[in-house]
Amino acid sequence: MCHLTQHLERPEIDREATLIWLPELTQGVLNALVWDIHLTLAKHGKPLCPDRRPVSGPPPARVAASAYAALKDRGLAALTRIGTTSPRDLAEALLRLSPSSYDRRAELLGGVRLLPLGRFLWNGRDVYPQLVETLKSISKRQNLSAARRLQEKDLTQ
């Protein structure tokens, strides 16, 4: 996800991410939140980028989909403030800024964040689901490892 924020020039960036207005969270916190949302959706067999319909299923999946929808709704505020939700448009605008305006970009764009859309296209293929599956596998192993350590601790006491 961090790669997206550093590469707004990607050919498919508008299919991979959208701009939102979310000054109360840093981009790093937003990325961690979206990873957690996508991981929760994947654990419950739900699409990584849910549409506006309520997601059926267990409460964690419904909460994750609802949180994602709330983040996506913040796109309207970005549209109102900067006139676009397109990362590509923002990249092109940044390239046209004067040096003095470019130096003030943090002040001008302070609350703009890049919301990943649950896709990462590489050589024409969406590899994001594989990334999430890998994270899910790692998370599962870490949870099992933590559970084993707790069991061992209980056995030694």
N, C-alpha and C. Protein backbone atom coordinates (compact mmCIF):
# COMPACT_ATOMS: atom_id res chain seq x y z
N MET A 1 0.82 -1.20 0.00
CA MET A 1 0.00 0.00 0.00
C MET A 1 0.86 1.25 0.00
N CYS A 2 1.96 1.20 0.70
CA CYS A 2 2.84 2.37 0.73
C CYS A 2 3.35 2.68 -0.67
N HIS A 3 3.54 1.65 -1.47
CA HIS A 3 4.02 1.82 -2.84
C HIS A 3 3.08 2.72 -3.63
N LEU A 4 1.79 2.56 -3.43
CA LEU A 4 0.82 3.37 -4.16
C LEU A 4 0.99 4.85 -3.88
N THR A 5 1.19 5.20 -2.62
CA THR A 5 1.30 6.61 -2.27
C THR A 5 2.55 7.26 -2.86
N GLN A 6 3.55 6.45 -3.13
CA GLN A 6 4.79 6.98 -3.68
C GLN A 6 4.85 6.91 -5.19
N HIS A 7 3.82 6.32 -5.79
CA HIS A 7 3.83 6.14 -7.25
C HIS A 7 2.46 6.45 -7.85
N LEU A 8 2.09 7.71 -7.76
CA LEU A 8 0.81 8.14 -8.33
C LEU A 8 0.83 8.09 -9.86
N GLU A 9 2.01 7.91 -10.44
CA GLU A 9 2.13 7.86 -11.90
C GLU A 9 1.82 6.47 -12.46
N ARG A 10 1.54 5.50 -11.59
CA ARG A 10 1.24 4.14 -12.06
C ARG A 10 0.12 4.17 -13.10
N PRO A 11 0.24 3.39 -14.17
CA PRO A 11 -0.75 3.43 -15.25
C PRO A 11 -2.19 3.15 -14.77
N GLU A 12 -2.33 2.29 -13.77
CA GLU A 12 -3.67 1.89 -13.32
C GLU A 12 -4.03 2.48 -11.96
N ILE A 13 -3.36 3.55 -11.54
CA ILE A 13 -3.54 4.09 -10.19
C ILE A 13 -4.99 4.41 -9.87
N ASP A 14 -5.76 4.89 -10.85
CA ASP A 14 -7.15 5.23 -10.57
C ASP A 14 -8.04 4.00 -10.36
N ARG A 15 -7.56 2.83 -10.76
CA ARG A 15 -8.27 1.58 -10.48
C ARG A 15 -7.80 0.96 -9.16
N GLU A 16 -6.65 1.43 -8.66
CA GLU A 16 -6.06 0.87 -7.45
C GLU A 16 -6.35 1.68 -6.19
N ALA A 17 -6.63 2.97 -6.38
CA ALA A 17 -6.80 3.84 -5.21
C ALA A 17 -7.67 5.05 -5.58
N THR A 18 -8.17 5.70 -4.55
CA THR A 18 -8.94 6.93 -4.72
C THR A 18 -8.53 7.90 -3.62
N LEU A 19 -8.73 9.18 -3.89
CA LEU A 19 -8.40 10.19 -2.89
C LEU A 19 -9.58 10.40 -1.96
N ILE A 20 -9.27 10.55 -0.69
CA ILE A 20 -10.28 10.89 0.32
C ILE A 20 -9.74 12.02 1.19
N TRP A 21 -10.63 12.67 1.92
CA TRP A 21 -10.22 13.71 2.88
C TRP A 21 -10.34 13.10 4.26
N LEU A 22 -9.21 12.92 4.94
CA LEU A 22 -9.20 12.27 6.25
C LEU A 22 -8.05 12.83 7.10
N PRO A 23 -8.12 14.11 7.46
CA PRO A 23 -7.00 14.72 8.18
C PRO A 23 -6.76 14.15 9.57
N GLU A 24 -7.75 13.46 10.13
CA GLU A 24 -7.58 12.92 11.48
C GLU A 24 -6.71 11.67 11.54
N LEU A 25 -6.39 11.08 10.39
CA LEU A 25 -5.49 9.91 10.34
C LEU A 25 -4.33 10.20 9.41
N THR A 26 -3.16 9.69 9.76
CA THR A 26 -2.03 9.77 8.84
C THR A 26 -2.23 8.72 7.75
N GLN A 27 -1.46 8.84 6.68
CA GLN A 27 -1.53 7.85 5.61
C GLN A 27 -1.12 6.47 6.13
N GLY A 28 -0.13 6.43 6.99
CA GLY A 28 0.32 5.15 7.55
C GLY A 28 -0.75 4.46 8.37
N VAL A 29 -1.46 5.22 9.18
CA VAL A 29 -2.55 4.65 9.99
C VAL A 29 -3.67 4.18 9.07
N LEU A 30 -3.99 4.97 8.05
CA LEU A 30 -5.02 4.56 7.09
C LEU A 30 -4.63 3.25 6.41
N ASN A 31 -3.37 3.15 5.99
CA ASN A 31 -2.91 1.91 5.35
C ASN A 31 -3.08 0.71 6.28
N ALA A 32 -2.71 0.87 7.54
CA ALA A 32 -2.84 -0.22 8.51
C ALA A 32 -4.32 -0.59 8.71
N LEU A 33 -5.17 0.41 8.78
CA LEU A 33 -6.61 0.17 8.94
C LEU A 33 -7.17 -0.58 7.73
N VAL A 34 -6.78 -0.16 6.53
CA VAL A 34 -7.27 -0.83 5.32
C VAL A 34 -6.75 -2.26 5.23
N TRP A 35 -5.49 -2.48 5.61
CA TRP A 35 -4.97 -3.85 5.65
C TRP A 35 -5.85 -4.71 6.56
N ASP A 36 -6.17 -4.17 7.73
CA ASP A 36 -6.99 -4.92 8.69
C ASP A 36 -8.38 -5.18 8.12
N ILE A 37 -8.97 -4.19 7.49
CA ILE A 37 -10.29 -4.35 6.86
C ILE A 37 -10.22 -5.44 5.80
N HIS A 38 -9.23 -5.35 4.91
CA HIS A 38 -9.11 -6.34 3.84
C HIS A 38 -8.82 -7.73 4.38
N LEU A 39 -8.00 -7.81 5.40
CA LEU A 39 -7.70 -9.10 6.02
C LEU A 39 -8.96 -9.71 6.63
N THR A 40 -9.75 -8.89 7.31
CA THR A 40 -11.00 -9.38 7.90
C THR A 40 -11.96 -9.85 6.83
N LEU A 41 -12.11 -9.07 5.76
CA LEU A 41 -13.00 -9.48 4.67
C LEU A 41 -12.53 -10.79 4.04
N ALA A 42 -11.21 -10.92 3.82
CA ALA A 42 -10.67 -12.14 3.22
C ALA A 42 -10.89 -13.35 4.13
N LYS A 43 -10.71 -13.18 5.44
CA LYS A 43 -10.92 -14.28 6.38
C LYS A 43 -12.34 -14.82 6.32
N HIS A 44 -13.27 -13.96 5.92
CA HIS A 44 -14.68 -14.35 5.87
C HIS A 44 -15.16 -14.56 4.43
N GLY A 45 -14.23 -14.65 3.49
CA GLY A 45 -14.57 -14.94 2.10
C GLY A 45 -15.33 -13.84 1.39
N LYS A 46 -15.16 -12.61 1.81
CA LYS A 46 -15.87 -11.48 1.22
C LYS A 46 -14.96 -10.74 0.25
N PRO A 47 -15.55 -10.01 -0.71
CA PRO A 47 -14.71 -9.23 -1.65
C PRO A 47 -13.88 -8.20 -0.90
N LEU A 48 -12.67 -7.96 -1.38
CA LEU A 48 -11.78 -7.01 -0.73
C LEU A 48 -12.22 -5.57 -0.92
N CYS A 49 -12.98 -5.32 -1.95
CA CYS A 49 -13.48 -3.98 -2.21
C CYS A 49 -15.00 -4.05 -2.30
N PRO A 50 -15.66 -4.10 -1.14
CA PRO A 50 -17.11 -4.27 -1.17
C PRO A 50 -17.81 -3.06 -1.79
N ASP A 51 -18.91 -3.34 -2.47
CA ASP A 51 -19.68 -2.22 -3.02
C ASP A 51 -20.57 -1.66 -1.91
N ARG A 52 -21.50 -0.83 -2.27
CA ARG A 52 -22.31 -0.13 -1.27
C ARG A 52 -23.35 -1.03 -0.58
N ARG A 53 -23.62 -2.20 -1.14
CA ARG A 53 -24.60 -3.07 -0.50
C ARG A 53 -24.08 -3.56 0.84
N PRO A 54 -24.97 -3.74 1.80
CA PRO A 54 -24.52 -4.32 3.07
C PRO A 54 -23.96 -5.73 2.83
N VAL A 55 -22.89 -6.04 3.49
CA VAL A 55 -22.29 -7.36 3.37
C VAL A 55 -23.00 -8.28 4.34
N SER A 56 -23.41 -9.44 3.83
CA SER A 56 -23.99 -10.42 4.74
C SER A 56 -22.84 -11.21 5.35
N GLY A 57 -23.16 -11.92 6.39
CA GLY A 57 -22.12 -12.73 7.02
C GLY A 57 -21.93 -12.37 8.46
N PRO A 58 -20.85 -12.87 9.04
CA PRO A 58 -20.61 -12.66 10.47
C PRO A 58 -20.33 -11.18 10.76
N PRO A 59 -20.56 -10.79 12.01
CA PRO A 59 -20.36 -9.38 12.40
C PRO A 59 -19.01 -8.79 12.01
N PRO A 60 -17.88 -9.51 12.17
CA PRO A 60 -16.61 -8.87 11.79
C PRO A 60 -16.57 -8.44 10.32
N ALA A 61 -17.14 -9.26 9.44
CA ALA A 61 -17.15 -8.91 8.01
C ALA A 61 -18.06 -7.72 7.76
N ARG A 62 -19.20 -7.69 8.43
CA ARG A 62 -20.13 -6.55 8.25
C ARG A 62 -19.51 -5.26 8.77
N VAL A 63 -18.84 -5.33 9.92
CA VAL A 63 -18.19 -4.15 10.49
C VAL A 63 -17.08 -3.67 9.56
N ALA A 64 -16.27 -4.59 9.04
CA ALA A 64 -15.17 -4.23 8.14
C ALA A 64 -15.71 -3.55 6.88
N ALA A 65 -16.75 -4.12 6.30
CA ALA A 65 -17.34 -3.53 5.09
C ALA A 65 -17.93 -2.16 5.38
N SER A 66 -18.55 -2.02 6.53
CA SER A 66 -19.13 -0.73 6.92
C SER A 66 -18.04 0.32 7.13
N ALA A 67 -16.94 -0.07 7.77
CA ALA A 67 -15.82 0.85 7.98
C ALA A 67 -15.23 1.29 6.64
N TYR A 68 -15.10 0.34 5.73
CA TYR A 68 -14.55 0.66 4.42
C TYR A 68 -15.47 1.62 3.66
N ALA A 69 -16.77 1.37 3.73
CA ALA A 69 -17.74 2.26 3.08
C ALA A 69 -17.65 3.68 3.66
N ALA A 70 -17.47 3.77 4.98
CA ALA A 70 -17.35 5.09 5.61
C ALA A 70 -16.09 5.81 5.12
N LEU A 71 -15.00 5.07 4.95
CA LEU A 71 -13.77 5.67 4.43
C LEU A 71 -13.98 6.13 2.98
N LYS A 72 -14.62 5.30 2.21
CA LYS A 72 -14.86 5.64 0.80
C LYS A 72 -15.76 6.87 0.68
N ASP A 73 -16.69 7.03 1.61
CA ASP A 73 -17.57 8.20 1.61
C ASP A 73 -16.80 9.50 1.78
N ARG A 74 -15.60 9.41 2.35
CA ARG A 74 -14.79 10.62 2.54
C ARG A 74 -14.23 11.15 1.22
N GLY A 75 -14.47 10.44 0.15
CA GLY A 75 -14.07 10.91 -1.18
C GLY A 75 -14.83 12.18 -1.58
N LEU A 76 -16.07 12.29 -1.15
CA LEU A 76 -16.86 13.48 -1.46
C LEU A 76 -16.21 14.74 -0.89
N ALA A 77 -15.67 14.64 0.32
CA ALA A 77 -14.99 15.78 0.93
C ALA A 77 -13.72 16.13 0.14
N ALA A 78 -13.01 15.13 -0.36
CA ALA A 78 -11.83 15.41 -1.18
C ALA A 78 -12.24 16.09 -2.48
N LEU A 79 -13.29 15.60 -3.08
CA LEU A 79 -13.79 16.19 -4.31
C LEU A 79 -14.16 17.66 -4.10
N THR A 80 -14.81 17.95 -2.98
CA THR A 80 -15.20 19.32 -2.66
C THR A 80 -13.98 20.20 -2.42
N ARG A 81 -12.99 19.69 -1.71
CA ARG A 81 -11.83 20.50 -1.33
C ARG A 81 -10.81 20.69 -2.47
N ILE A 82 -10.52 19.62 -3.20
CA ILE A 82 -9.47 19.73 -4.22
C ILE A 82 -9.97 19.50 -5.64
N GLY A 83 -11.26 19.21 -5.79
CA GLY A 83 -11.84 19.10 -7.12
C GLY A 83 -11.69 17.76 -7.81
N THR A 84 -11.16 16.75 -7.11
CA THR A 84 -10.98 15.44 -7.73
C THR A 84 -10.82 14.37 -6.65
N THR A 85 -11.07 13.14 -7.04
CA THR A 85 -10.72 11.98 -6.21
C THR A 85 -9.71 11.10 -6.95
N SER A 86 -9.25 11.59 -8.09
CA SER A 86 -8.34 10.83 -8.94
C SER A 86 -6.88 11.04 -8.53
N PRO A 87 -6.19 9.98 -8.15
CA PRO A 87 -4.76 10.11 -7.85
C PRO A 87 -3.96 10.61 -9.06
N ARG A 88 -4.37 10.18 -10.25
CA ARG A 88 -3.68 10.61 -11.47
C ARG A 88 -3.81 12.13 -11.65
N ASP A 89 -5.02 12.65 -11.44
CA ASP A 89 -5.22 14.10 -11.54
C ASP A 89 -4.33 14.85 -10.54
N LEU A 90 -4.26 14.33 -9.33
CA LEU A 90 -3.42 14.97 -8.31
C LEU A 90 -1.95 14.94 -8.73
N ALA A 91 -1.48 13.81 -9.24
CA ALA A 91 -0.09 13.71 -9.68
C ALA A 91 0.21 14.72 -10.78
N GLU A 92 -0.69 14.84 -11.74
CA GLU A 92 -0.49 15.80 -12.83
C GLU A 92 -0.50 17.23 -12.31
N ALA A 93 -1.38 17.52 -11.36
CA ALA A 93 -1.42 18.87 -10.78
C ALA A 93 -0.14 19.18 -10.02
N LEU A 94 0.38 18.21 -9.29
CA LEU A 94 1.62 18.42 -8.55
C LEU A 94 2.79 18.73 -9.48
N LEU A 95 2.79 18.08 -10.64
CA LEU A 95 3.87 18.33 -11.61
C LEU A 95 3.80 19.75 -12.18
N ARG A 96 2.61 20.33 -12.20
CA ARG A 96 2.44 21.68 -12.76
C ARG A 96 2.61 22.79 -11.73
N LEU A 97 2.78 22.45 -10.46
CA LEU A 97 2.91 23.48 -9.43
C LEU A 97 4.22 24.26 -9.58
N SER A 98 4.14 25.52 -9.22
CA SER A 98 5.36 26.33 -9.17
C SER A 98 6.21 25.80 -8.00
N PRO A 99 7.50 26.07 -8.02
CA PRO A 99 8.35 25.60 -6.91
C PRO A 99 7.86 26.08 -5.54
N SER A 100 7.39 27.33 -5.45
CA SER A 100 6.94 27.83 -4.15
C SER A 100 5.66 27.12 -3.70
N SER A 101 4.76 26.86 -4.64
CA SER A 101 3.53 26.13 -4.28
C SER A 101 3.85 24.68 -3.94
N TYR A 102 4.78 24.09 -4.69
CA TYR A 102 5.17 22.71 -4.41
C TYR A 102 5.76 22.59 -3.01
N ASP A 103 6.52 23.59 -2.60
CA ASP A 103 7.08 23.59 -1.25
C ASP A 103 6.00 23.65 -0.18
N ARG A 104 4.81 24.14 -0.53
CA ARG A 104 3.69 24.27 0.41
C ARG A 104 2.67 23.13 0.25
N ARG A 105 3.04 22.08 -0.47
CA ARG A 105 2.07 21.01 -0.76
C ARG A 105 1.50 20.36 0.50
N ALA A 106 2.31 20.21 1.54
CA ALA A 106 1.80 19.60 2.78
C ALA A 106 0.71 20.48 3.39
N GLU A 107 0.91 21.77 3.33
CA GLU A 107 -0.09 22.72 3.84
C GLU A 107 -1.35 22.68 2.98
N LEU A 108 -1.17 22.60 1.67
CA LEU A 108 -2.30 22.64 0.74
C LEU A 108 -3.09 21.33 0.71
N LEU A 109 -2.40 20.23 0.93
CA LEU A 109 -3.02 18.90 0.78
C LEU A 109 -3.03 18.11 2.09
N GLY A 110 -2.84 18.78 3.21
CA GLY A 110 -2.65 18.13 4.49
C GLY A 110 -3.62 17.02 4.85
N GLY A 111 -4.87 17.11 4.47
CA GLY A 111 -5.84 16.09 4.86
C GLY A 111 -6.16 15.08 3.78
N VAL A 112 -5.51 15.20 2.62
CA VAL A 112 -5.77 14.27 1.52
C VAL A 112 -5.05 12.97 1.79
N ARG A 113 -5.77 11.87 1.63
CA ARG A 113 -5.19 10.54 1.81
C ARG A 113 -5.54 9.68 0.60
N LEU A 114 -4.74 8.66 0.39
CA LEU A 114 -4.95 7.72 -0.70
C LEU A 114 -5.58 6.45 -0.13
N LEU A 115 -6.82 6.19 -0.53
CA LEU A 115 -7.52 4.99 -0.05
C LEU A 115 -7.33 3.86 -1.06
N PRO A 116 -6.61 2.81 -0.68
CA PRO A 116 -6.46 1.65 -1.56
C PRO A 116 -7.82 1.00 -1.82
N LEU A 117 -8.03 0.58 -3.07
CA LEU A 117 -9.32 0.01 -3.46
C LEU A 117 -9.33 -1.51 -3.48
N GLY A 118 -8.29 -2.14 -2.94
CA GLY A 118 -8.29 -3.60 -2.90
C GLY A 118 -7.80 -4.22 -4.19
N ARG A 119 -7.01 -3.46 -4.94
CA ARG A 119 -6.42 -3.95 -6.19
C ARG A 119 -4.98 -3.45 -6.25
N PHE A 120 -4.10 -4.28 -6.80
CA PHE A 120 -2.74 -3.85 -7.11
C PHE A 120 -2.37 -4.57 -8.39
N LEU A 121 -2.33 -3.82 -9.47
CA LEU A 121 -2.13 -4.42 -10.79
C LEU A 121 -0.65 -4.45 -11.14
N TRP A 122 -0.19 -5.64 -11.50
CA TRP A 122 1.21 -5.85 -11.85
C TRP A 122 1.23 -6.67 -13.14
N ASN A 123 1.81 -6.10 -14.18
CA ASN A 123 1.84 -6.76 -15.49
C ASN A 123 0.45 -7.21 -15.93
N GLY A 124 -0.53 -6.36 -15.70
CA GLY A 124 -1.89 -6.64 -16.13
C GLY A 124 -2.69 -7.55 -15.22
N ARG A 125 -2.08 -8.03 -14.16
CA ARG A 125 -2.77 -8.94 -13.22
C ARG A 125 -2.96 -8.27 -11.88
N ASP A 126 -4.09 -8.54 -11.26
CA ASP A 126 -4.34 -8.04 -9.90
C ASP A 126 -3.70 -9.01 -8.92
N VAL A 127 -2.62 -8.56 -8.27
CA VAL A 127 -1.89 -9.42 -7.34
C VAL A 127 -2.26 -9.13 -5.88
N TYR A 128 -3.13 -8.16 -5.66
CA TYR A 128 -3.48 -7.79 -4.29
C TYR A 128 -4.12 -8.94 -3.50
N PRO A 129 -5.05 -9.70 -4.10
CA PRO A 129 -5.61 -10.83 -3.33
C PRO A 129 -4.54 -11.80 -2.84
N GLN A 130 -3.49 -12.02 -3.63
CA GLN A 130 -2.41 -12.90 -3.20
C GLN A 130 -1.64 -12.29 -2.03
N LEU A 131 -1.44 -10.97 -2.07
CA LEU A 131 -0.77 -10.30 -0.96
C LEU A 131 -1.57 -10.45 0.33
N VAL A 132 -2.88 -10.30 0.22
CA VAL A 132 -3.74 -10.43 1.40
C VAL A 132 -3.74 -11.87 1.91
N GLU A 133 -3.77 -12.84 1.00
CA GLU A 133 -3.71 -14.25 1.40
C GLU A 133 -2.40 -14.55 2.13
N THR A 134 -1.31 -13.98 1.65
CA THR A 134 -0.02 -14.16 2.32
C THR A 134 -0.07 -13.57 3.72
N LEU A 135 -0.61 -12.36 3.83
CA LEU A 135 -0.74 -11.73 5.14
C LEU A 135 -1.64 -12.55 6.06
N LYS A 136 -2.73 -13.08 5.49
CA LYS A 136 -3.65 -13.91 6.27
C LYS A 136 -2.93 -15.15 6.80
N SER A 137 -2.10 -15.76 5.97
CA SER A 137 -1.34 -16.94 6.36
C SER A 137 -0.34 -16.61 7.47
N ILE A 138 0.36 -15.49 7.31
CA ILE A 138 1.33 -15.05 8.33
C ILE A 138 0.61 -14.76 9.64
N SER A 139 -0.51 -14.07 9.54
CA SER A 139 -1.29 -13.72 10.73
C SER A 139 -1.76 -14.98 11.46
N LYS A 140 -2.20 -15.96 10.69
CA LYS A 140 -2.67 -17.21 11.28
C LYS A 140 -1.53 -17.92 12.01
N ARG A 141 -0.34 -17.95 11.38
CA ARG A 141 0.83 -18.59 12.01
C ARG A 141 1.22 -17.85 13.29
N GLN A 142 1.17 -16.51 13.25
CA GLN A 142 1.53 -15.74 14.44
C GLN A 142 0.53 -15.99 15.56
N ASN A 143 -0.76 -16.08 15.22
CA ASN A 143 -1.77 -16.36 16.23
C ASN A 143 -1.56 -17.75 16.83
N LEU A 144 -1.24 -18.74 15.98
CA LEU A 144 -0.98 -20.09 16.49
C LEU A 144 0.25 -20.10 17.38
N SER A 145 1.28 -19.39 16.95
CA SER A 145 2.51 -19.32 17.73
C SER A 145 2.25 -18.66 19.10
N ALA A 146 1.47 -17.60 19.09
CA ALA A 146 1.14 -16.92 20.35
C ALA A 146 0.31 -17.83 21.24
N ALA A 147 -0.63 -18.58 20.64
CA ALA A 147 -1.45 -19.50 21.42
C ALA A 147 -0.59 -20.60 22.03
N ARG A 148 0.37 -21.11 21.26
CA ARG A 148 1.28 -22.14 21.78
C ARG A 148 2.09 -21.60 22.96
N ARG A 149 2.60 -20.38 22.83
CA ARG A 149 3.38 -19.79 23.93
C ARG A 149 2.51 -19.66 25.18
N LEU A 150 1.26 -19.28 25.01
CA LEU A 150 0.36 -19.16 26.16
C LEU A 150 0.10 -20.52 26.79
N GLN A 151 -0.09 -21.54 25.94
CA GLN A 151 -0.31 -22.90 26.46
C GLN A 151 0.92 -23.38 27.22
N GLU A 152 2.10 -23.15 26.65
CA GLU A 152 3.34 -23.57 27.31
C GLU A 152 3.49 -22.85 28.64
N LYS A 153 3.15 -21.60 28.68
CA LYS A 153 3.25 -20.83 29.92
C LYS A 153 2.29 -21.40 30.97
N ASP A 154 1.08 -21.75 30.52
CA ASP A 154 0.11 -22.33 31.44
C ASP A 154 0.58 -23.68 31.99
N LEU A 155 1.25 -24.47 31.12
CA LEU A 155 1.72 -25.79 31.53
C LEU A 155 2.87 -25.70 32.54
N THR A 156 3.65 -24.65 32.46
CA THR A 156 4.80 -24.52 33.36
C THR A 156 4.43 -23.90 34.68
N GLN A 157 3.24 -23.38 34.81
CA GLN A 157 2.85 -22.74 36.06
C GLN A 157 2.15 -23.69 36.99
